[in-house]
Protein backbone atom coordinates (compact mmCIF):
# COMPACT_ATOMS: atom_id res chain seq x y z
CA MET A 1 0.61 25.98 -11.40
CA SER A 2 3.25 23.26 -11.78
CA SER A 3 2.49 19.92 -13.44
CA ALA A 4 3.47 16.50 -12.05
CA LEU A 5 4.47 13.18 -13.62
CA VAL A 6 4.44 9.97 -11.58
CA PHE A 7 6.53 7.08 -12.90
CA PHE A 8 6.05 3.40 -12.03
CA SER A 9 8.10 0.55 -13.42
CA HIS A 10 5.20 -1.80 -12.79
CA VAL A 11 1.82 -1.77 -11.07
CA SER A 12 0.20 -4.92 -9.73
CA THR A 13 -3.58 -5.46 -9.82
CA VAL A 14 -3.92 -2.31 -7.74
CA PRO A 15 -1.24 0.23 -6.78
CA SER A 16 0.66 -0.43 -3.55
CA LYS A 17 0.38 1.87 -0.55
CA ALA A 18 3.65 3.59 -1.46
CA GLN A 19 2.41 4.11 -5.02
CA ARG A 20 -0.91 5.52 -3.80
CA GLU A 21 1.00 8.01 -1.67
CA LEU A 22 2.75 9.25 -4.83
CA LEU A 23 -0.64 9.59 -6.53
CA THR A 24 -1.89 11.62 -3.55
CA LEU A 25 1.08 13.97 -3.81
CA ALA A 26 0.68 14.29 -7.59
CA SER A 27 -3.01 15.16 -7.22
CA ARG A 28 -2.01 18.47 -5.60
CA PHE A 29 -0.51 19.64 -8.90
CA GLU A 30 -1.89 20.55 -12.31
CA ASN A 31 -2.47 17.83 -14.93
CA PRO A 32 -1.14 14.90 -12.87
CA THR A 33 -0.03 12.15 -15.24
CA VAL A 34 1.16 8.57 -14.68
CA ALA A 35 3.77 6.86 -16.87
CA ILE A 36 4.24 3.10 -16.61
CA ALA A 37 6.89 0.89 -18.21
CA SER A 38 4.27 -1.84 -18.61
CA VAL A 39 0.52 -2.16 -19.27
CA PRO A 40 -1.72 -1.53 -16.23
CA GLY A 41 -4.93 -3.46 -15.65
CA GLU A 42 -8.44 -2.04 -15.47
CA GLU A 43 -8.48 -2.07 -11.66
CA ALA A 44 -5.30 -0.02 -11.54
CA LEU A 45 -6.77 2.50 -13.99
CA LYS A 46 -9.85 2.90 -11.76
CA VAL A 47 -7.59 3.66 -8.81
CA PHE A 48 -5.66 6.22 -10.87
CA GLY A 49 -8.93 7.94 -11.73
CA SER A 50 -9.87 8.23 -8.06
CA TYR A 51 -6.77 10.40 -7.55
CA GLY A 52 -7.63 12.74 -10.41
CA ILE A 53 -5.18 11.19 -12.87
CA ALA A 54 -6.50 12.04 -16.33
CA THR A 55 -3.80 10.46 -18.50
CA VAL A 56 -1.74 7.27 -18.29
CA LEU A 57 1.23 6.86 -20.62
CA GLN A 58 2.24 3.25 -21.14
CA ALA A 59 4.92 1.36 -23.06
CA GLU A 60 5.71 -2.32 -22.78
CA ASN A 61 8.79 -3.99 -24.22
CA PRO A 62 9.58 -7.30 -22.53
CA GLN A 63 12.62 -7.76 -24.80
CA ALA A 64 14.41 -4.68 -23.45
CA SER A 65 17.17 -5.12 -20.91
CA PHE A 66 16.39 -4.31 -17.29
CA GLY A 67 16.67 -0.58 -16.64
CA THR A 68 17.08 0.48 -20.28
CA HIS A 69 13.36 0.24 -21.06
CA GLU A 70 12.34 2.11 -17.91
CA LEU A 71 14.76 4.92 -18.70
CA SER A 72 13.41 5.20 -22.25
CA VAL A 73 9.81 5.31 -21.01
CA LEU A 74 10.51 7.98 -18.41
CA ASP A 75 12.47 10.05 -20.93
CA ALA A 76 9.65 9.83 -23.48
CA ALA A 77 7.04 10.67 -20.84
CA LEU A 78 8.96 13.78 -19.83
CA GLN A 79 9.11 14.91 -23.44
CA HIS A 80 5.39 14.24 -23.85
CA THR A 81 4.25 16.07 -20.71
CA ASP A 82 6.99 18.65 -20.16
CA ALA A 83 6.31 18.14 -16.45
CA ASP A 84 7.88 20.36 -13.79
CA LEU A 85 7.94 17.60 -11.17
CA VAL A 86 8.74 13.89 -11.51
CA LEU A 87 7.74 11.64 -8.60
CA LEU A 88 9.44 8.27 -8.11
CA GLU A 89 9.42 5.60 -5.45
CA ASN A 90 12.36 5.63 -3.04
CA ASP A 91 13.77 2.15 -3.71
CA SER A 92 17.31 1.67 -4.98
CA PHE A 93 16.21 1.07 -8.59
CA SER A 94 14.11 4.25 -8.73
CA ARG A 95 16.88 6.35 -7.16
CA GLU A 96 19.30 5.11 -9.82
CA LEU A 97 16.72 5.70 -12.56
CA GLY A 98 16.11 9.23 -11.26
CA ALA A 99 19.82 9.99 -11.26
CA ARG A 100 20.21 8.77 -14.85
CA ILE A 101 17.30 10.82 -16.16
CA ALA A 102 18.53 13.85 -14.19
CA VAL A 103 21.86 13.68 -16.02
CA ARG A 104 20.15 13.16 -19.37
CA ARG A 105 17.70 16.05 -18.84
CA ASN A 106 19.96 18.37 -16.82
CA ALA A 107 17.41 18.17 -14.03
CA ALA A 108 17.73 18.21 -10.24
CA ILE A 109 17.18 15.07 -8.17
CA VAL A 110 16.38 14.94 -4.45
CA THR A 111 16.11 11.58 -2.67
CA ASP A 112 14.37 10.63 0.61
CA VAL A 113 11.77 13.37 0.10
CA ILE A 114 8.87 13.56 2.57
CA ASP A 115 6.87 16.35 0.89
CA VAL A 116 6.83 18.75 -2.08
CA SER A 117 5.14 22.15 -1.89
CA ALA A 118 3.11 23.85 -4.63
CA ASP A 119 6.14 25.99 -5.53
CA LEU A 120 8.29 22.84 -5.97
CA ILE A 121 10.25 23.03 -2.73
CA ALA A 122 11.09 19.51 -1.57
CA THR A 123 11.35 18.72 2.13
CA LYS A 124 13.59 15.94 3.40
CA ASP A 125 14.90 14.80 6.75
CA GLU A 126 18.60 15.12 7.49
CA LEU A 127 20.83 13.65 10.18
CA ALA A 128 18.44 10.81 11.03
CA GLY A 129 15.46 13.10 11.35
CA GLY A 130 17.16 15.62 13.61
CA TYR A 131 16.81 18.37 11.01
CA SER A 132 14.50 19.15 8.11
CA ALA A 133 15.94 20.53 4.87
CA SER A 134 14.08 22.48 2.15
CA VAL A 135 15.47 22.02 -1.37
CA LYS A 136 14.58 23.78 -4.63
CA SER A 137 15.77 22.91 -8.12
CA ALA A 138 18.11 25.42 -9.73
CA THR A 139 17.68 23.89 -13.21
CA GLY A 140 13.92 23.73 -13.64
CA VAL A 141 12.65 20.14 -13.49
CA LEU A 142 12.63 18.57 -10.04
CA ILE A 143 12.93 14.77 -9.70
CA ALA A 144 11.93 13.54 -6.25
CA THR A 145 12.08 10.03 -4.81
CA VAL A 146 9.53 9.98 -1.98
CA LYS A 147 9.96 7.97 1.20
CA PRO A 148 7.04 5.64 1.94
CA ASN A 149 4.75 6.55 4.84
CA SER A 150 5.53 10.25 4.36
CA ILE A 151 2.31 11.25 2.55
CA GLU A 152 -1.13 10.39 3.90
CA ASP A 153 -2.98 8.33 1.30
CA ALA A 154 -6.00 10.46 0.35
CA PRO A 155 -7.88 9.75 -2.88
CA LEU A 156 -10.09 12.52 -4.18
CA ASP A 157 -13.87 12.35 -4.04
CA CYS A 158 -14.12 11.57 -7.74
CA GLN A 159 -13.91 8.76 -10.27
CA ASP A 160 -12.56 10.42 -13.37
CA SER A 161 -12.15 8.52 -16.61
CA VAL A 162 -8.54 7.87 -17.54
CA GLU A 163 -7.16 8.26 -21.05
CA VAL A 164 -4.52 5.67 -21.88
CA LYS A 165 -1.87 6.56 -24.46
CA ASN A 166 0.92 4.44 -25.91
CA LEU A 167 4.29 6.15 -25.84
CA GLU A 168 6.52 6.11 -28.88
CA LEU A 169 10.02 5.34 -27.71
CA ALA A 170 13.24 6.39 -29.34
CA ALA A 171 15.69 3.69 -30.31
CA PRO A 172 17.35 2.58 -27.08
CA LEU A 173 21.01 3.28 -26.53
CA VAL A 174 23.33 0.32 -26.31
CA PRO A 175 23.86 -0.12 -22.57
CA ALA A 176 27.38 0.03 -21.20
CA VAL A 177 26.59 -2.91 -18.92
CA SER A 178 24.22 -5.84 -19.24
CA ILE A 179 22.46 -8.14 -16.79
CA VAL A 180 24.01 -11.61 -17.04
CA ALA A 181 21.94 -13.32 -14.34
CA ALA A 182 18.97 -12.64 -12.09
CA ASP A 183 17.54 -14.59 -9.17
CA GLN A 184 13.82 -14.54 -8.47
CA LYS A 185 13.10 -13.49 -4.89
CA GLU A 186 11.27 -16.14 -2.91
CA ALA A 187 7.60 -15.25 -2.53
CA SER A 188 6.29 -14.61 0.98
CA ASP A 189 2.81 -14.56 2.48
CA ARG A 190 3.88 -11.85 4.91
CA PRO A 191 2.83 -8.24 4.20
CA ALA A 192 5.25 -5.84 2.52
CA LEU A 193 7.49 -4.20 5.11
CA SER A 194 6.77 -0.60 4.08
CA GLU A 195 2.99 -1.16 4.16
CA ALA A 196 2.53 -3.49 7.14
CA ARG A 197 0.28 -2.51 10.05
CA ILE A 198 2.46 -4.58 12.41
CA VAL A 199 6.24 -5.00 12.19
CA VAL A 200 8.46 -7.27 14.28
CA ALA A 201 12.13 -6.34 13.92
CA GLY A 202 15.24 -8.12 15.14
CA GLY A 203 18.74 -6.84 15.68
CA ARG A 204 22.14 -7.83 16.97
CA GLY A 205 20.48 -9.41 20.01
CA VAL A 206 19.01 -12.29 17.97
CA ASP A 207 22.59 -13.54 17.57
CA GLY A 208 21.96 -14.92 14.11
CA ASP A 209 18.69 -16.71 14.92
CA PHE A 210 15.55 -14.98 13.62
CA SER A 211 13.26 -17.93 14.41
CA ALA A 212 11.68 -16.27 17.47
CA VAL A 213 11.12 -13.04 15.50
CA GLU A 214 9.58 -14.99 12.59
CA ASP A 215 7.32 -17.01 14.90
CA LEU A 216 5.94 -13.89 16.61
CA ALA A 217 5.49 -12.16 13.26
CA ASP A 218 3.52 -15.12 11.92
CA ALA A 219 1.31 -15.16 15.02
CA LEU A 220 0.52 -11.46 14.50
CA GLY A 221 0.33 -11.49 10.70
CA ALA A 222 3.22 -9.03 10.72
CA ALA A 223 6.12 -8.11 8.47
CA ILE A 224 9.68 -8.81 9.53
CA GLY A 225 12.30 -6.09 9.76
CA ALA A 226 15.88 -5.87 10.95
CA SER A 227 18.60 -3.50 12.03
CA ARG A 228 21.60 -2.81 9.83
CA ALA A 229 23.80 -4.88 12.14
CA ALA A 230 21.63 -7.93 11.47
CA THR A 231 21.54 -7.46 7.69
CA ASP A 232 25.27 -6.69 7.48
CA ALA A 233 25.95 -9.91 9.39
CA GLY A 234 24.05 -11.84 6.73
CA TRP A 235 21.38 -13.11 9.12
CA ILE A 236 18.58 -11.70 6.94
CA SER A 237 18.36 -10.06 3.52
CA HIS A 238 19.11 -6.34 3.18
CA ASP A 239 15.60 -5.52 1.97
CA ALA A 240 14.46 -6.10 5.57
CA GLN A 241 16.67 -3.29 6.89
CA ILE A 242 14.83 -0.51 8.72
CA GLY A 243 16.54 2.79 9.34
CA GLN A 244 18.21 5.81 7.85
CA THR A 245 19.77 3.78 5.03
CA GLY A 246 16.94 1.25 4.80
CA VAL A 247 13.16 1.16 4.74
CA THR A 248 11.03 3.69 6.61
CA VAL A 249 8.06 2.12 8.38
CA SER A 250 5.14 3.65 10.24
CA PRO A 251 2.98 0.74 11.46
CA GLN A 252 0.27 0.69 14.10
CA LEU A 253 2.50 -1.60 16.19
CA TYR A 254 6.30 -1.90 16.02
CA ILE A 255 8.05 -4.56 18.10
CA SER A 256 11.79 -4.09 18.47
CA ALA A 257 13.64 -7.21 19.60
CA GLY A 258 17.32 -7.09 20.46
CA ILE A 259 17.87 -3.71 18.79
CA SER A 260 19.73 -1.03 20.75
CA GLY A 261 17.88 1.79 19.00
CA ALA A 262 20.75 3.89 17.68
CA ILE A 263 19.77 7.13 15.94
CA GLN A 264 20.04 5.54 12.47
CA GLN A 265 17.48 2.88 13.42
CA LYS A 266 15.15 5.42 15.05
CA ALA A 267 15.03 7.40 11.80
CA GLY A 268 13.23 4.52 10.12
CA MET A 269 10.61 3.65 12.74
CA GLN A 270 10.05 6.47 15.24
CA THR A 271 6.72 7.50 13.66
CA SER A 272 5.20 4.10 14.54
CA LYS A 273 1.94 4.49 16.47
CA PHE A 274 2.90 2.13 19.33
CA ILE A 275 6.41 0.85 20.01
CA VAL A 276 7.27 -2.20 22.12
CA ALA A 277 10.94 -2.80 22.88
CA VAL A 278 12.51 -6.03 24.15
CA ASN A 279 16.15 -5.80 25.17
CA LYS A 280 18.40 -7.23 27.89
CA ASP A 281 20.12 -3.87 28.34
CA MET A 282 17.92 -1.57 30.41
CA ASP A 283 19.99 1.40 29.21
CA ALA A 284 19.38 0.72 25.52
CA PRO A 285 18.41 3.96 23.69
CA VAL A 286 15.33 2.28 22.21
CA PHE A 287 13.59 2.48 25.60
CA GLU A 288 13.61 6.29 25.31
CA ILE A 289 11.03 6.17 22.52
CA ALA A 290 9.24 2.93 23.43
CA ASP A 291 5.66 3.04 24.70
CA LEU A 292 6.24 -0.30 26.42
CA GLY A 293 9.65 -1.66 27.39
CA ILE A 294 10.50 -5.20 28.40
CA VAL A 295 13.92 -5.83 29.93
CA GLY A 296 14.57 -9.46 29.20
CA ASP A 297 15.93 -12.16 26.92
CA LEU A 298 14.10 -12.05 23.58
CA ALA A 299 14.63 -15.80 23.18
CA LYS A 300 12.29 -16.25 26.17
CA VAL A 301 9.99 -13.24 25.82
CA LEU A 302 9.04 -13.60 22.13
CA PRO A 303 8.03 -17.30 22.25
CA GLN A 304 5.87 -16.63 25.31
CA ALA A 305 4.20 -13.71 23.54
CA ALA A 306 3.58 -15.79 20.40
CA ALA A 307 2.11 -18.65 22.43
CA GLU A 308 -0.23 -16.33 24.32
CA ILE A 309 -1.38 -14.63 21.10
CA ARG A 310 -2.18 -17.99 19.50
CA ARG A 311 -4.00 -19.12 22.66
CA ARG A 312 -6.24 -16.05 22.52
CA GLN A 313 -6.83 -16.52 18.80
CA ALA A 314 -7.98 -20.12 19.28
């Protein structure tokens, strides 16, 4: 049976939902191991144990340049475990990291994966979810970046003890590029977009003003998302983009405001449990998949909805 290695750059007090999904997938394979480019806390180790993770490989080096340390840790972990499968998150940093280690190790990398079978065949959606592709490595090791909300989080009925080992890293290579500046992202009390139970998303129809979307999201305790048109216009940061080239969400409630619902947008939200669409265009494609459609001006509909929600909460 194949062995699996899960790599995290960092784990907070407890693993995120997306990270727990990777642990669930890894638990299907032999000797699932976690490698972390930092030092996890005791709570995180307990969670790892509940997924059958027996070994955690750690290595912390705060002096290393961004990206170089993570690459060294992943490379050392692969040498230590000789794993057949490497599981990474599907963010832009992890995809780049996976590509770099694939070149270094002559491995295969598949991005946007939604499942991996016992015989190491990766499944991924193509053409905005219209087709499903099965991919197998021709070189041996398979590196897969897994889309969030693709694997059902399912810890095992166990609480195994976890052995923590410190990795010995080779001398890092001198990077061809270096980070000259970094801006800390402003902290938010809203839930993470990929893990939120409720998402309110705005598109071209907000016409540059996300205040109504933000107000409704705050009333619901929801995350805020956006279409590519809105992020490309600079109305909201790109990490809020939902769709084929953005974040995949699968909340209990998804509210689409001023988004036409093109196929690229549908690919990132069509598995939502209940979809509410607000759009002035009654022929907008989003109404084809919406459970409830409201033909109207979002600048009027959303504030009324937020006011009514707060009235009922009082």
